[in-house]
Amino acid sequence: MLQVYPVLSLLQHYRQWDGDAGQPADPGIELGPVEATNRAASLIVESRQFRSTNSAEIWLSKDVPFGLAKWKVTVLREEKDRVEPRSAFQPVSELIEEMEAHETGKDAQPFPEFRAN
């Protein structure tokens, strides 16, 4: 299995998507016009001292290799003292990743070390 997070992307394995998928639309990417469905999800991981909220908005398309035409992921990290209530969490960092498909090709070749002998 290809493990995407966190080396290739900040996209997580979200347990549930927000609402229903809308009607396909053009996400306005550099690759050109494609039909993509917009979806959103979030995942919260919390301990007594730290909370991390990973929120994603993605555009899924059959017209793009691997199905991802565009995405934006925001990771908000918050901290508090162990004995403080949840309401005391304060933001300490925010990472934003925005990616989109720019081009495709038909002449992809495997790396030499992965070719069968």
PDB file of N, CA and C in Angstrom:
ATOM      1  N   MET A   1       0.836  -1.169   0.000  1.00  0.00           N
ATOM      2  CA  MET A   1       0.000   0.000   0.000  1.00  0.00           C
ATOM      3  C   MET A   1       0.888   1.241   0.000  1.00  0.00           C
ATOM      4  N   LEU A   2       0.536   2.200  -0.809  1.00  0.00           N
ATOM      5  CA  LEU A   2       1.237   3.469  -0.859  1.00  0.00           C
ATOM      6  C   LEU A   2       0.774   4.339   0.300  1.00  0.00           C
ATOM      7  N   GLN A   3       1.695   4.703   1.174  1.00  0.00           N
ATOM      8  CA  GLN A   3       1.375   5.549   2.326  1.00  0.00           C
ATOM      9  C   GLN A   3       1.688   6.987   1.941  1.00  0.00           C
ATOM     10  N   VAL A   4       0.662   7.763   1.669  1.00  0.00           N
ATOM     11  CA  VAL A   4       0.822   9.124   1.181  1.00  0.00           C
ATOM     12  C   VAL A   4       1.220  10.089   2.292  1.00  0.00           C
ATOM     13  N   TYR A   5       0.535  10.023   3.440  1.00  0.00           N
ATOM     14  CA  TYR A   5       0.775  10.972   4.532  1.00  0.00           C
ATOM     15  C   TYR A   5       1.939  10.516   5.388  1.00  0.00           C
ATOM     16  N   PRO A   6       2.833  11.331   5.789  1.00  0.00           N
ATOM     17  CA  PRO A   6       3.013  12.755   5.514  1.00  0.00           C
ATOM     18  C   PRO A   6       4.118  13.042   4.511  1.00  0.00           C
ATOM     19  N   VAL A   7       4.683  12.003   3.863  1.00  0.00           N
ATOM     20  CA  VAL A   7       5.829  12.211   2.988  1.00  0.00           C
ATOM     21  C   VAL A   7       5.442  12.838   1.650  1.00  0.00           C
ATOM     22  N   LEU A   8       4.405  12.309   1.002  1.00  0.00           N
ATOM     23  CA  LEU A   8       4.005  12.828  -0.305  1.00  0.00           C
ATOM     24  C   LEU A   8       3.014  13.984  -0.210  1.00  0.00           C
ATOM     25  N   SER A   9       2.163  13.949   0.792  1.00  0.00           N
ATOM     26  CA  SER A   9       1.121  14.961   0.925  1.00  0.00           C
ATOM     27  C   SER A   9       0.612  14.992   2.359  1.00  0.00           C
ATOM     28  N   LEU A  10      -0.037  16.084   2.717  1.00  0.00           N
ATOM     29  CA  LEU A  10      -0.670  16.193   4.037  1.00  0.00           C
ATOM     30  C   LEU A  10      -2.083  15.613   4.036  1.00  0.00           C
ATOM     31  N   LEU A  11      -2.543  15.095   2.879  1.00  0.00           N
ATOM     32  CA  LEU A  11      -3.844  14.430   2.836  1.00  0.00           C
ATOM     33  C   LEU A  11      -3.813  13.209   3.742  1.00  0.00           C
ATOM     34  N   GLN A  12      -4.814  13.064   4.590  1.00  0.00           N
ATOM     35  CA  GLN A  12      -4.920  11.939   5.525  1.00  0.00           C
ATOM     36  C   GLN A  12      -5.883  10.884   4.974  1.00  0.00           C
ATOM     37  N   HIS A  13      -6.062   9.819   5.715  1.00  0.00           N
ATOM     38  CA  HIS A  13      -7.097   8.819   5.432  1.00  0.00           C
ATOM     39  C   HIS A  13      -8.313   9.239   6.254  1.00  0.00           C
ATOM     40  N   TYR A  14      -9.143  10.069   5.679  1.00  0.00           N
ATOM     41  CA  TYR A  14     -10.292  10.631   6.406  1.00  0.00           C
ATOM     42  C   TYR A  14     -11.369   9.568   6.583  1.00  0.00           C
ATOM     43  N   ARG A  15     -11.957   9.537   7.759  1.00  0.00           N
ATOM     44  CA  ARG A  15     -12.964   8.517   8.078  1.00  0.00           C
ATOM     45  C   ARG A  15     -14.313   8.829   7.455  1.00  0.00           C
ATOM     46  N   GLN A  16     -14.601  10.115   7.267  1.00  0.00           N
ATOM     47  CA  GLN A  16     -15.913  10.500   6.745  1.00  0.00           C
ATOM     48  C   GLN A  16     -15.792  11.810   5.979  1.00  0.00           C
ATOM     49  N   TRP A  17     -16.481  11.879   4.845  1.00  0.00           N
ATOM     50  CA  TRP A  17     -16.517  13.109   4.054  1.00  0.00           C
ATOM     51  C   TRP A  17     -17.691  13.960   4.494  1.00  0.00           C
ATOM     52  N   ASP A  18     -17.539  15.280   4.434  1.00  0.00           N
ATOM     53  CA  ASP A  18     -18.600  16.209   4.817  1.00  0.00           C
ATOM     54  C   ASP A  18     -19.661  16.266   3.731  1.00  0.00           C
ATOM     55  N   GLY A  19     -20.888  15.946   4.063  1.00  0.00           N
ATOM     56  CA  GLY A  19     -22.009  16.070   3.132  1.00  0.00           C
ATOM     57  C   GLY A  19     -21.886  15.196   1.902  1.00  0.00           C
ATOM     58  N   ASP A  20     -22.776  15.459   0.950  1.00  0.00           N
ATOM     59  CA  ASP A  20     -22.799  14.721  -0.312  1.00  0.00           C
ATOM     60  C   ASP A  20     -21.925  15.416  -1.343  1.00  0.00           C
ATOM     61  N   ALA A  21     -21.458  14.644  -2.301  1.00  0.00           N
ATOM     62  CA  ALA A  21     -20.674  15.216  -3.396  1.00  0.00           C
ATOM     63  C   ALA A  21     -21.584  16.091  -4.244  1.00  0.00           C
ATOM     64  N   GLY A  22     -21.080  17.238  -4.647  1.00  0.00           N
ATOM     65  CA  GLY A  22     -21.845  18.131  -5.509  1.00  0.00           C
ATOM     66  C   GLY A  22     -21.764  17.692  -6.965  1.00  0.00           C
ATOM     67  N   GLN A  23     -22.329  18.500  -7.829  1.00  0.00           N
ATOM     68  CA  GLN A  23     -22.279  18.221  -9.259  1.00  0.00           C
ATOM     69  C   GLN A  23     -20.860  18.484  -9.784  1.00  0.00           C
ATOM     70  N   PRO A  24     -20.398  17.678 -10.737  1.00  0.00           N
ATOM     71  CA  PRO A  24     -19.062  17.914 -11.297  1.00  0.00           C
ATOM     72  C   PRO A  24     -18.958  19.317 -11.902  1.00  0.00           C
ATOM     73  N   ALA A  25     -17.790  19.929 -11.720  1.00  0.00           N
ATOM     74  CA  ALA A  25     -17.519  21.259 -12.247  1.00  0.00           C
ATOM     75  C   ALA A  25     -16.043  21.353 -12.582  1.00  0.00           C
ATOM     76  N   ASP A  26     -15.655  22.387 -13.294  1.00  0.00           N
ATOM     77  CA  ASP A  26     -14.256  22.614 -13.633  1.00  0.00           C
ATOM     78  C   ASP A  26     -13.564  23.297 -12.456  1.00  0.00           C
ATOM     79  N   PRO A  27     -12.512  22.673 -11.882  1.00  0.00           N
ATOM     80  CA  PRO A  27     -11.826  23.280 -10.741  1.00  0.00           C
ATOM     81  C   PRO A  27     -10.858  24.402 -11.115  1.00  0.00           C
ATOM     82  N   GLY A  28     -10.703  24.663 -12.411  1.00  0.00           N
ATOM     83  CA  GLY A  28      -9.833  25.741 -12.856  1.00  0.00           C
ATOM     84  C   GLY A  28      -8.358  25.474 -12.633  1.00  0.00           C
ATOM     85  N   ILE A  29      -7.891  24.322 -13.091  1.00  0.00           N
ATOM     86  CA  ILE A  29      -6.482  23.956 -12.903  1.00  0.00           C
ATOM     87  C   ILE A  29      -5.684  24.228 -14.175  1.00  0.00           C
ATOM     88  N   GLU A  30      -4.368  24.289 -14.028  1.00  0.00           N
ATOM     89  CA  GLU A  30      -3.482  24.588 -15.160  1.00  0.00           C
ATOM     90  C   GLU A  30      -3.508  23.501 -16.232  1.00  0.00           C
ATOM     91  N   LEU A  31      -3.848  22.277 -15.864  1.00  0.00           N
ATOM     92  CA  LEU A  31      -3.930  21.172 -16.815  1.00  0.00           C
ATOM     93  C   LEU A  31      -4.935  21.468 -17.924  1.00  0.00           C
ATOM     94  N   GLY A  32      -5.956  22.228 -17.599  1.00  0.00           N
ATOM     95  CA  GLY A  32      -7.011  22.545 -18.564  1.00  0.00           C
ATOM     96  C   GLY A  32      -8.359  22.153 -18.007  1.00  0.00           C
ATOM     97  N   PRO A  33      -9.403  22.314 -18.825  1.00  0.00           N
ATOM     98  CA  PRO A  33     -10.745  21.996 -18.325  1.00  0.00           C
ATOM     99  C   PRO A  33     -10.938  20.505 -18.086  1.00  0.00           C
ATOM    100  N   VAL A  34     -11.391  20.172 -16.885  1.00  0.00           N
ATOM    101  CA  VAL A  34     -11.747  18.805 -16.508  1.00  0.00           C
ATOM    102  C   VAL A  34     -13.018  18.880 -15.675  1.00  0.00           C
ATOM    103  N   GLU A  35     -13.722  17.775 -15.585  1.00  0.00           N
ATOM    104  CA  GLU A  35     -14.885  17.700 -14.699  1.00  0.00           C
ATOM    105  C   GLU A  35     -14.428  17.058 -13.401  1.00  0.00           C
ATOM    106  N   ALA A  36     -14.658  17.753 -12.283  1.00  0.00           N
ATOM    107  CA  ALA A  36     -14.224  17.242 -10.984  1.00  0.00           C
ATOM    108  C   ALA A  36     -15.323  17.474  -9.951  1.00  0.00           C
ATOM    109  N   THR A  37     -15.378  16.587  -8.988  1.00  0.00           N
ATOM    110  CA  THR A  37     -16.339  16.687  -7.888  1.00  0.00           C
ATOM    111  C   THR A  37     -15.604  17.195  -6.656  1.00  0.00           C
ATOM    112  N   ASN A  38     -16.149  18.212  -6.027  1.00  0.00           N
ATOM    113  CA  ASN A  38     -15.535  18.816  -4.849  1.00  0.00           C
ATOM    114  C   ASN A  38     -16.011  18.102  -3.590  1.00  0.00           C
ATOM    115  N   ARG A  39     -15.049  17.739  -2.718  1.00  0.00           N
ATOM    116  CA  ARG A  39     -15.359  17.085  -1.436  1.00  0.00           C
ATOM    117  C   ARG A  39     -14.525  17.719  -0.337  1.00  0.00           C
ATOM    118  N   ALA A  40     -14.994  17.619   0.898  1.00  0.00           N
ATOM    119  CA  ALA A  40     -14.273  18.161   2.054  1.00  0.00           C
ATOM    120  C   ALA A  40     -14.330  17.151   3.192  1.00  0.00           C
ATOM    121  N   ALA A  41     -13.282  17.166   4.021  1.00  0.00           N
ATOM    122  CA  ALA A  41     -13.214  16.271   5.181  1.00  0.00           C
ATOM    123  C   ALA A  41     -12.265  16.875   6.201  1.00  0.00           C
ATOM    124  N   SER A  42     -12.367  16.381   7.428  1.00  0.00           N
ATOM    125  CA  SER A  42     -11.416  16.807   8.454  1.00  0.00           C
ATOM    126  C   SER A  42     -11.186  15.658   9.424  1.00  0.00           C
ATOM    127  N   LEU A  43     -10.044  15.741  10.106  1.00  0.00           N
ATOM    128  CA  LEU A  43      -9.660  14.726  11.073  1.00  0.00           C
ATOM    129  C   LEU A  43      -8.987  15.441  12.240  1.00  0.00           C
ATOM    130  N   ILE A  44      -9.468  15.183  13.454  1.00  0.00           N
ATOM    131  CA  ILE A  44      -8.914  15.818  14.652  1.00  0.00           C
ATOM    132  C   ILE A  44      -8.276  14.747  15.528  1.00  0.00           C
ATOM    133  N   VAL A  45      -7.031  14.998  15.933  1.00  0.00           N
ATOM    134  CA  VAL A  45      -6.306  14.126  16.851  1.00  0.00           C
ATOM    135  C   VAL A  45      -5.956  14.981  18.057  1.00  0.00           C
ATOM    136  N   GLU A  46      -6.316  14.484  19.256  1.00  0.00           N
ATOM    137  CA  GLU A  46      -6.158  15.299  20.454  1.00  0.00           C
ATOM    138  C   GLU A  46      -5.588  14.497  21.617  1.00  0.00           C
ATOM    139  N   SER A  47      -4.728  15.152  22.392  1.00  0.00           N
ATOM    140  CA  SER A  47      -4.233  14.607  23.649  1.00  0.00           C
ATOM    141  C   SER A  47      -4.475  15.663  24.724  1.00  0.00           C
ATOM    142  N   ARG A  48      -3.965  15.456  25.923  1.00  0.00           N
ATOM    143  CA  ARG A  48      -4.154  16.443  26.992  1.00  0.00           C
ATOM    144  C   ARG A  48      -3.428  17.749  26.717  1.00  0.00           C
ATOM    145  N   GLN A  49      -2.356  17.705  25.922  1.00  0.00           N
ATOM    146  CA  GLN A  49      -1.557  18.901  25.665  1.00  0.00           C
ATOM    147  C   GLN A  49      -1.629  19.418  24.235  1.00  0.00           C
ATOM    148  N   PHE A  50      -1.932  18.556  23.290  1.00  0.00           N
ATOM    149  CA  PHE A  50      -1.877  18.929  21.885  1.00  0.00           C
ATOM    150  C   PHE A  50      -3.167  18.561  21.162  1.00  0.00           C
ATOM    151  N   ARG A  51      -3.481  19.367  20.145  1.00  0.00           N
ATOM    152  CA  ARG A  51      -4.601  19.041  19.255  1.00  0.00           C
ATOM    153  C   ARG A  51      -4.161  19.404  17.841  1.00  0.00           C
ATOM    154  N   SER A  52      -4.404  18.497  16.918  1.00  0.00           N
ATOM    155  CA  SER A  52      -4.073  18.716  15.517  1.00  0.00           C
ATOM    156  C   SER A  52      -5.336  18.525  14.693  1.00  0.00           C
ATOM    157  N   THR A  53      -5.688  19.538  13.912  1.00  0.00           N
ATOM    158  CA  THR A  53      -6.859  19.478  13.043  1.00  0.00           C
ATOM    159  C   THR A  53      -6.389  19.515  11.601  1.00  0.00           C
ATOM    160  N   ASN A  54      -6.672  18.444  10.854  1.00  0.00           N
ATOM    161  CA  ASN A  54      -6.306  18.328   9.456  1.00  0.00           C
ATOM    162  C   ASN A  54      -7.586  18.464   8.640  1.00  0.00           C
ATOM    163  N   SER A  55      -7.694  19.551   7.867  1.00  0.00           N
ATOM    164  CA  SER A  55      -8.880  19.812   7.044  1.00  0.00           C
ATOM    165  C   SER A  55      -8.488  19.804   5.576  1.00  0.00           C
ATOM    166  N   ALA A  56      -9.284  19.133   4.762  1.00  0.00           N
ATOM    167  CA  ALA A  56      -8.958  19.021   3.339  1.00  0.00           C
ATOM    168  C   ALA A  56     -10.156  19.347   2.468  1.00  0.00           C
ATOM    169  N   GLU A  57      -9.853  19.937   1.333  1.00  0.00           N
ATOM    170  CA  GLU A  57     -10.835  20.137   0.274  1.00  0.00           C
ATOM    171  C   GLU A  57     -10.191  19.569  -0.981  1.00  0.00           C
ATOM    172  N   ILE A  58     -10.853  18.602  -1.624  1.00  0.00           N
ATOM    173  CA  ILE A  58     -10.266  17.957  -2.798  1.00  0.00           C
ATOM    174  C   ILE A  58     -11.241  17.999  -3.968  1.00  0.00           C
ATOM    175  N   TRP A  59     -10.667  17.918  -5.167  1.00  0.00           N
ATOM    176  CA  TRP A  59     -11.449  17.844  -6.393  1.00  0.00           C
ATOM    177  C   TRP A  59     -11.081  16.534  -7.068  1.00  0.00           C
ATOM    178  N   LEU A  60     -12.034  15.600  -7.128  1.00  0.00           N
ATOM    179  CA  LEU A  60     -11.823  14.268  -7.699  1.00  0.00           C
ATOM    180  C   LEU A  60     -12.292  14.245  -9.144  1.00  0.00           C
ATOM    181  N   SER A  61     -11.472  13.644 -10.026  1.00  0.00           N
ATOM    182  CA  SER A  61     -11.809  13.636 -11.445  1.00  0.00           C
ATOM    183  C   SER A  61     -11.320  12.363 -12.120  1.00  0.00           C
ATOM    184  N   LYS A  62     -12.143  11.811 -12.997  1.00  0.00           N
ATOM    185  CA  LYS A  62     -11.736  10.658 -13.807  1.00  0.00           C
ATOM    186  C   LYS A  62     -10.847  11.104 -14.964  1.00  0.00           C
ATOM    187  N   ASP A  63     -10.799  12.410 -15.230  1.00  0.00           N
ATOM    188  CA  ASP A  63     -10.012  12.953 -16.337  1.00  0.00           C
ATOM    189  C   ASP A  63      -8.535  13.153 -15.981  1.00  0.00           C
ATOM    190  N   VAL A  64      -8.163  12.906 -14.732  1.00  0.00           N
ATOM    191  CA  VAL A  64      -6.805  13.179 -14.249  1.00  0.00           C
ATOM    192  C   VAL A  64      -6.207  11.875 -13.704  1.00  0.00           C
ATOM    193  N   PRO A  65      -4.940  11.574 -14.044  1.00  0.00           N
ATOM    194  CA  PRO A  65      -4.321  10.370 -13.476  1.00  0.00           C
ATOM    195  C   PRO A  65      -4.362  10.390 -11.947  1.00  0.00           C
ATOM    196  N   PHE A  66      -4.622   9.279 -11.343  1.00  0.00           N
ATOM    197  CA  PHE A  66      -4.739   9.079  -9.903  1.00  0.00           C
ATOM    198  C   PHE A  66      -5.988   9.725  -9.313  1.00  0.00           C
ATOM    199  N   GLY A  67      -6.796  10.392 -10.115  1.00  0.00           N
ATOM    200  CA  GLY A  67      -8.080  10.901  -9.659  1.00  0.00           C
ATOM    201  C   GLY A  67      -8.091  12.217  -8.918  1.00  0.00           C
ATOM    202  N   LEU A  68      -6.944  12.786  -8.568  1.00  0.00           N
ATOM    203  CA  LEU A  68      -6.911  14.045  -7.826  1.00  0.00           C
ATOM    204  C   LEU A  68      -6.548  15.195  -8.762  1.00  0.00           C
ATOM    205  N   ALA A  69      -7.514  16.058  -9.030  1.00  0.00           N
ATOM    206  CA  ALA A  69      -7.262  17.201  -9.898  1.00  0.00           C
ATOM    207  C   ALA A  69      -6.644  18.352  -9.103  1.00  0.00           C
ATOM    208  N   LYS A  70      -7.086  18.498  -7.858  1.00  0.00           N
ATOM    209  CA  LYS A  70      -6.637  19.634  -7.045  1.00  0.00           C
ATOM    210  C   LYS A  70      -6.964  19.340  -5.590  1.00  0.00           C
ATOM    211  N   TRP A  71      -6.129  19.869  -4.666  1.00  0.00           N
ATOM    212  CA  TRP A  71      -6.470  19.765  -3.253  1.00  0.00           C
ATOM    213  C   TRP A  71      -5.838  20.886  -2.457  1.00  0.00           C
ATOM    214  N   LYS A  72      -6.455  21.153  -1.317  1.00  0.00           N
ATOM    215  CA  LYS A  72      -5.914  22.093  -0.341  1.00  0.00           C
ATOM    216  C   LYS A  72      -6.085  21.458   1.029  1.00  0.00           C
ATOM    217  N   VAL A  73      -4.984  21.370   1.773  1.00  0.00           N
ATOM    218  CA  VAL A  73      -5.002  20.792   3.116  1.00  0.00           C
ATOM    219  C   VAL A  73      -4.457  21.834   4.088  1.00  0.00           C
ATOM    220  N   THR A  74      -5.151  21.995   5.200  1.00  0.00           N
ATOM    221  CA  THR A  74      -4.696  22.881   6.267  1.00  0.00           C
ATOM    222  C   THR A  74      -4.552  22.050   7.533  1.00  0.00           C
ATOM    223  N   VAL A  75      -3.376  22.140   8.159  1.00  0.00           N
ATOM    224  CA  VAL A  75      -3.124  21.439   9.417  1.00  0.00           C
ATOM    225  C   VAL A  75      -2.875  22.493  10.487  1.00  0.00           C
ATOM    226  N   LEU A  76      -3.785  22.558  11.457  1.00  0.00           N
ATOM    227  CA  LEU A  76      -3.673  23.502  12.564  1.00  0.00           C
ATOM    228  C   LEU A  76      -3.252  22.727  13.805  1.00  0.00           C
ATOM    229  N   ARG A  77      -2.151  23.150  14.415  1.00  0.00           N
ATOM    230  CA  ARG A  77      -1.656  22.516  15.646  1.00  0.00           C
ATOM    231  C   ARG A  77      -1.861  23.481  16.798  1.00  0.00           C
ATOM    232  N   GLU A  78      -2.455  22.966  17.885  1.00  0.00           N
ATOM    233  CA  GLU A  78      -2.730  23.771  19.066  1.00  0.00           C
ATOM    234  C   GLU A  78      -2.126  23.113  20.299  1.00  0.00           C
ATOM    235  N   GLU A  79      -1.815  23.929  21.320  1.00  0.00           N
ATOM    236  CA  GLU A  79      -1.249  23.424  22.574  1.00  0.00           C
ATOM    237  C   GLU A  79      -1.935  24.073  23.769  1.00  0.00           C
ATOM    238  N   LYS A  80      -1.824  23.386  24.915  1.00  0.00           N
ATOM    239  CA  LYS A  80      -2.275  23.914  26.209  1.00  0.00           C
ATOM    240  C   LYS A  80      -1.538  23.144  27.305  1.00  0.00           C
ATOM    241  N   ASP A  81      -1.608  23.620  28.535  1.00  0.00           N
ATOM    242  CA  ASP A  81      -1.046  22.867  29.661  1.00  0.00           C
ATOM    243  C   ASP A  81      -1.935  21.658  29.941  1.00  0.00           C
ATOM    244  N   ARG A  82      -1.358  20.601  30.480  1.00  0.00           N
ATOM    245  CA  ARG A  82      -2.096  19.347  30.725  1.00  0.00           C
ATOM    246  C   ARG A  82      -3.353  19.535  31.570  1.00  0.00           C
ATOM    247  N   VAL A  83      -3.284  20.386  32.581  1.00  0.00           N
ATOM    248  CA  VAL A  83      -4.396  20.512  33.533  1.00  0.00           C
ATOM    249  C   VAL A  83      -5.442  21.539  33.099  1.00  0.00           C
ATOM    250  N   GLU A  84      -5.185  22.274  32.037  1.00  0.00           N
ATOM    251  CA  GLU A  84      -6.144  23.277  31.567  1.00  0.00           C
ATOM    252  C   GLU A  84      -7.288  22.612  30.801  1.00  0.00           C
ATOM    253  N   PRO A  85      -8.452  23.257  30.741  1.00  0.00           N
ATOM    254  CA  PRO A  85      -9.580  22.705  29.991  1.00  0.00           C
ATOM    255  C   PRO A  85      -9.346  22.802  28.479  1.00  0.00           C
ATOM    256  N   ARG A  86     -10.142  22.098  27.712  1.00  0.00           N
ATOM    257  CA  ARG A  86     -10.032  22.130  26.247  1.00  0.00           C
ATOM    258  C   ARG A  86     -10.153  23.541  25.683  1.00  0.00           C
ATOM    259  N   SER A  87     -10.929  24.365  26.318  1.00  0.00           N
ATOM    260  CA  SER A  87     -11.113  25.740  25.843  1.00  0.00           C
ATOM    261  C   SER A  87      -9.819  26.550  25.874  1.00  0.00           C
ATOM    262  N   ALA A  88      -8.785  26.054  26.541  1.00  0.00           N
ATOM    263  CA  ALA A  88      -7.506  26.764  26.651  1.00  0.00           C
ATOM    264  C   ALA A  88      -6.556  26.488  25.482  1.00  0.00           C
ATOM    265  N   PHE A  89      -6.896  25.581  24.565  1.00  0.00           N
ATOM    266  CA  PHE A  89      -6.029  25.318  23.409  1.00  0.00           C
ATOM    267  C   PHE A  89      -5.766  26.617  22.646  1.00  0.00           C
ATOM    268  N   GLN A  90      -4.496  26.839  22.309  1.00  0.00           N
ATOM    269  CA  GLN A  90      -4.079  28.018  21.552  1.00  0.00           C
ATOM    270  C   GLN A  90      -3.297  27.568  20.314  1.00  0.00           C
ATOM    271  N   PRO A  91      -3.537  28.202  19.159  1.00  0.00           N
ATOM    272  CA  PRO A  91      -2.794  27.826  17.947  1.00  0.00           C
ATOM    273  C   PRO A  91      -1.301  28.095  18.094  1.00  0.00           C
ATOM    274  N   VAL A  92      -0.479  27.147  17.614  1.00  0.00           N
ATOM    275  CA  VAL A  92       0.974  27.333  17.620  1.00  0.00           C
ATOM    276  C   VAL A  92       1.572  27.246  16.214  1.00  0.00           C
ATOM    277  N   SER A  93       0.894  26.562  15.300  1.00  0.00           N
ATOM    278  CA  SER A  93       1.375  26.503  13.919  1.00  0.00           C
ATOM    279  C   SER A  93       0.238  26.142  12.982  1.00  0.00           C
ATOM    280  N   GLU A  94       0.421  26.542  11.729  1.00  0.00           N
ATOM    281  CA  GLU A  94      -0.546  26.204  10.686  1.00  0.00           C
ATOM    282  C   GLU A  94       0.223  25.918   9.407  1.00  0.00           C
ATOM    283  N   LEU A  95      -0.029  24.749   8.829  1.00  0.00           N
ATOM    284  CA  LEU A  95       0.574  24.366   7.556  1.00  0.00           C
ATOM    285  C   LEU A  95      -0.521  24.351   6.504  1.00  0.00           C
ATOM    286  N   ILE A  96      -0.234  24.914   5.342  1.00  0.00           N
ATOM    287  CA  ILE A  96      -1.195  24.905   4.244  1.00  0.00           C
ATOM    288  C   ILE A  96      -0.499  24.334   3.015  1.00  0.00           C
ATOM    289  N   GLU A  97      -1.123  23.313   2.436  1.00  0.00           N
ATOM    290  CA  GLU A  97      -0.601  22.667   1.231  1.00  0.00           C
ATOM    291  C   GLU A  97      -1.647  22.807   0.138  1.00  0.00           C
ATOM    292  N   GLU A  98      -1.261  23.367  -0.996  1.00  0.00           N
ATOM    293  CA  GLU A  98      -2.154  23.484  -2.144  1.00  0.00           C
ATOM    294  C   GLU A  98      -1.471  22.863  -3.348  1.00  0.00           C
ATOM    295  N   MET A  99      -2.143  21.932  -4.006  1.00  0.00           N
ATOM    296  CA  MET A  99      -1.576  21.233  -5.157  1.00  0.00           C
ATOM    297  C   MET A  99      -2.643  21.123  -6.241  1.00  0.00           C
ATOM    298  N   GLU A 100      -2.178  21.050  -7.498  1.00  0.00           N
ATOM    299  CA  GLU A 100      -3.096  20.814  -8.605  1.00  0.00           C
ATOM    300  C   GLU A 100      -2.352  20.138  -9.740  1.00  0.00           C
ATOM    301  N   ALA A 101      -3.101  19.456 -10.597  1.00  0.00           N
ATOM    302  CA  ALA A 101      -2.510  18.788 -11.752  1.00  0.00           C
ATOM    303  C   ALA A 101      -2.120  19.849 -12.782  1.00  0.00           C
ATOM    304  N   HIS A 102      -0.878  19.753 -13.283  1.00  0.00           N
ATOM    305  CA  HIS A 102      -0.399  20.710 -14.282  1.00  0.00           C
ATOM    306  C   HIS A 102      -0.264  20.099 -15.663  1.00  0.00           C
ATOM    307  N   GLU A 103       0.129  18.830 -15.712  1.00  0.00           N
ATOM    308  CA  GLU A 103       0.278  18.188 -17.008  1.00  0.00           C
ATOM    309  C   GLU A 103       0.213  16.683 -16.837  1.00  0.00           C
ATOM    310  N   THR A 104      -0.050  15.985 -17.935  1.00  0.00           N
ATOM    311  CA  THR A 104      -0.041  14.521 -17.950  1.00  0.00           C
ATOM    312  C   THR A 104       0.786  14.076 -19.151  1.00  0.00           C
ATOM    313  N   GLY A 105       1.081  12.800 -19.206  1.00  0.00           N
ATOM    314  CA  GLY A 105       1.843  12.268 -20.326  1.00  0.00           C
ATOM    315  C   GLY A 105       1.494  10.821 -20.563  1.00  0.00           C
ATOM    316  N   LYS A 106       2.043  10.256 -21.637  1.00  0.00           N
ATOM    317  CA  LYS A 106       1.754   8.867 -21.972  1.00  0.00           C
ATOM    318  C   LYS A 106       3.012   8.029 -22.077  1.00  0.00           C
ATOM    319  N   ASP A 107       4.173   8.634 -21.848  1.00  0.00           N
ATOM    320  CA  ASP A 107       5.422   7.907 -22.040  1.00  0.00           C
ATOM    321  C   ASP A 107       6.186   7.689 -20.735  1.00  0.00           C
ATOM    322  N   ALA A 108       5.470   7.467 -19.637  1.00  0.00           N
ATOM    323  CA  ALA A 108       6.125   7.251 -18.340  1.00  0.00           C
ATOM    324  C   ALA A 108       6.937   5.961 -18.371  1.00  0.00           C
ATOM    325  N   GLN A 109       8.105   5.987 -17.752  1.00  0.00           N
ATOM    326  CA  GLN A 109       8.979   4.830 -17.675  1.00  0.00           C
ATOM    327  C   GLN A 109       9.304   4.567 -16.215  1.00  0.00           C
ATOM    328  N   PRO A 110       9.404   3.292 -15.797  1.00  0.00           N
ATOM    329  CA  PRO A 110       9.788   2.999 -14.412  1.00  0.00           C
ATOM    330  C   PRO A 110      11.253   3.353 -14.185  1.00  0.00           C
ATOM    331  N   PHE A 111      11.593   3.608 -12.952  1.00  0.00           N
ATOM    332  CA  PHE A 111      12.988   3.827 -12.591  1.00  0.00           C
ATOM    333  C   PHE A 111      13.766   2.575 -12.918  1.00  0.00           C
ATOM    334  N   PRO A 112      15.040   2.704 -13.340  1.00  0.00           N
ATOM    335  CA  PRO A 112      15.840   1.512 -13.706  1.00  0.00           C
ATOM    336  C   PRO A 112      15.895   0.456 -12.597  1.00  0.00           C
ATOM    337  N   GLU A 113      15.969   0.858 -11.352  1.00  0.00           N
ATOM    338  CA  GLU A 113      16.081  -0.136 -10.282  1.00  0.00           C
ATOM    339  C   GLU A 113      14.787  -0.933 -10.067  1.00  0.00           C
ATOM    340  N   PHE A 114      13.684  -0.527 -10.705  1.00  0.00           N
ATOM    341  CA  PHE A 114      12.419  -1.246 -10.542  1.00  0.00           C
ATOM    342  C   PHE A 114      12.049  -2.070 -11.763  1.00  0.00           C
ATOM    343  N   ARG A 115      12.878  -2.054 -12.786  1.00  0.00           N
ATOM    344  CA  ARG A 115      12.589  -2.835 -13.986  1.00  0.00           C
ATOM    345  C   ARG A 115      12.847  -4.309 -13.731  1.00  0.00           C
ATOM    346  N   ALA A 116      11.953  -5.112 -14.277  1.00  0.00           N
ATOM    347  CA  ALA A 116      12.133  -6.566 -14.152  1.00  0.00           C
ATOM    348  C   ALA A 116      13.241  -7.017 -15.077  1.00  0.00           C
ATOM    349  N   ASN A 117      14.028  -8.009 -14.641  1.00  0.00           N
ATOM    350  CA  ASN A 117      15.139  -8.528 -15.476  1.00  0.00           C
ATOM    351  C   ASN A 117      14.680  -9.642 -16.361  1.00  0.00           C
TER     352      ASN A 117
END
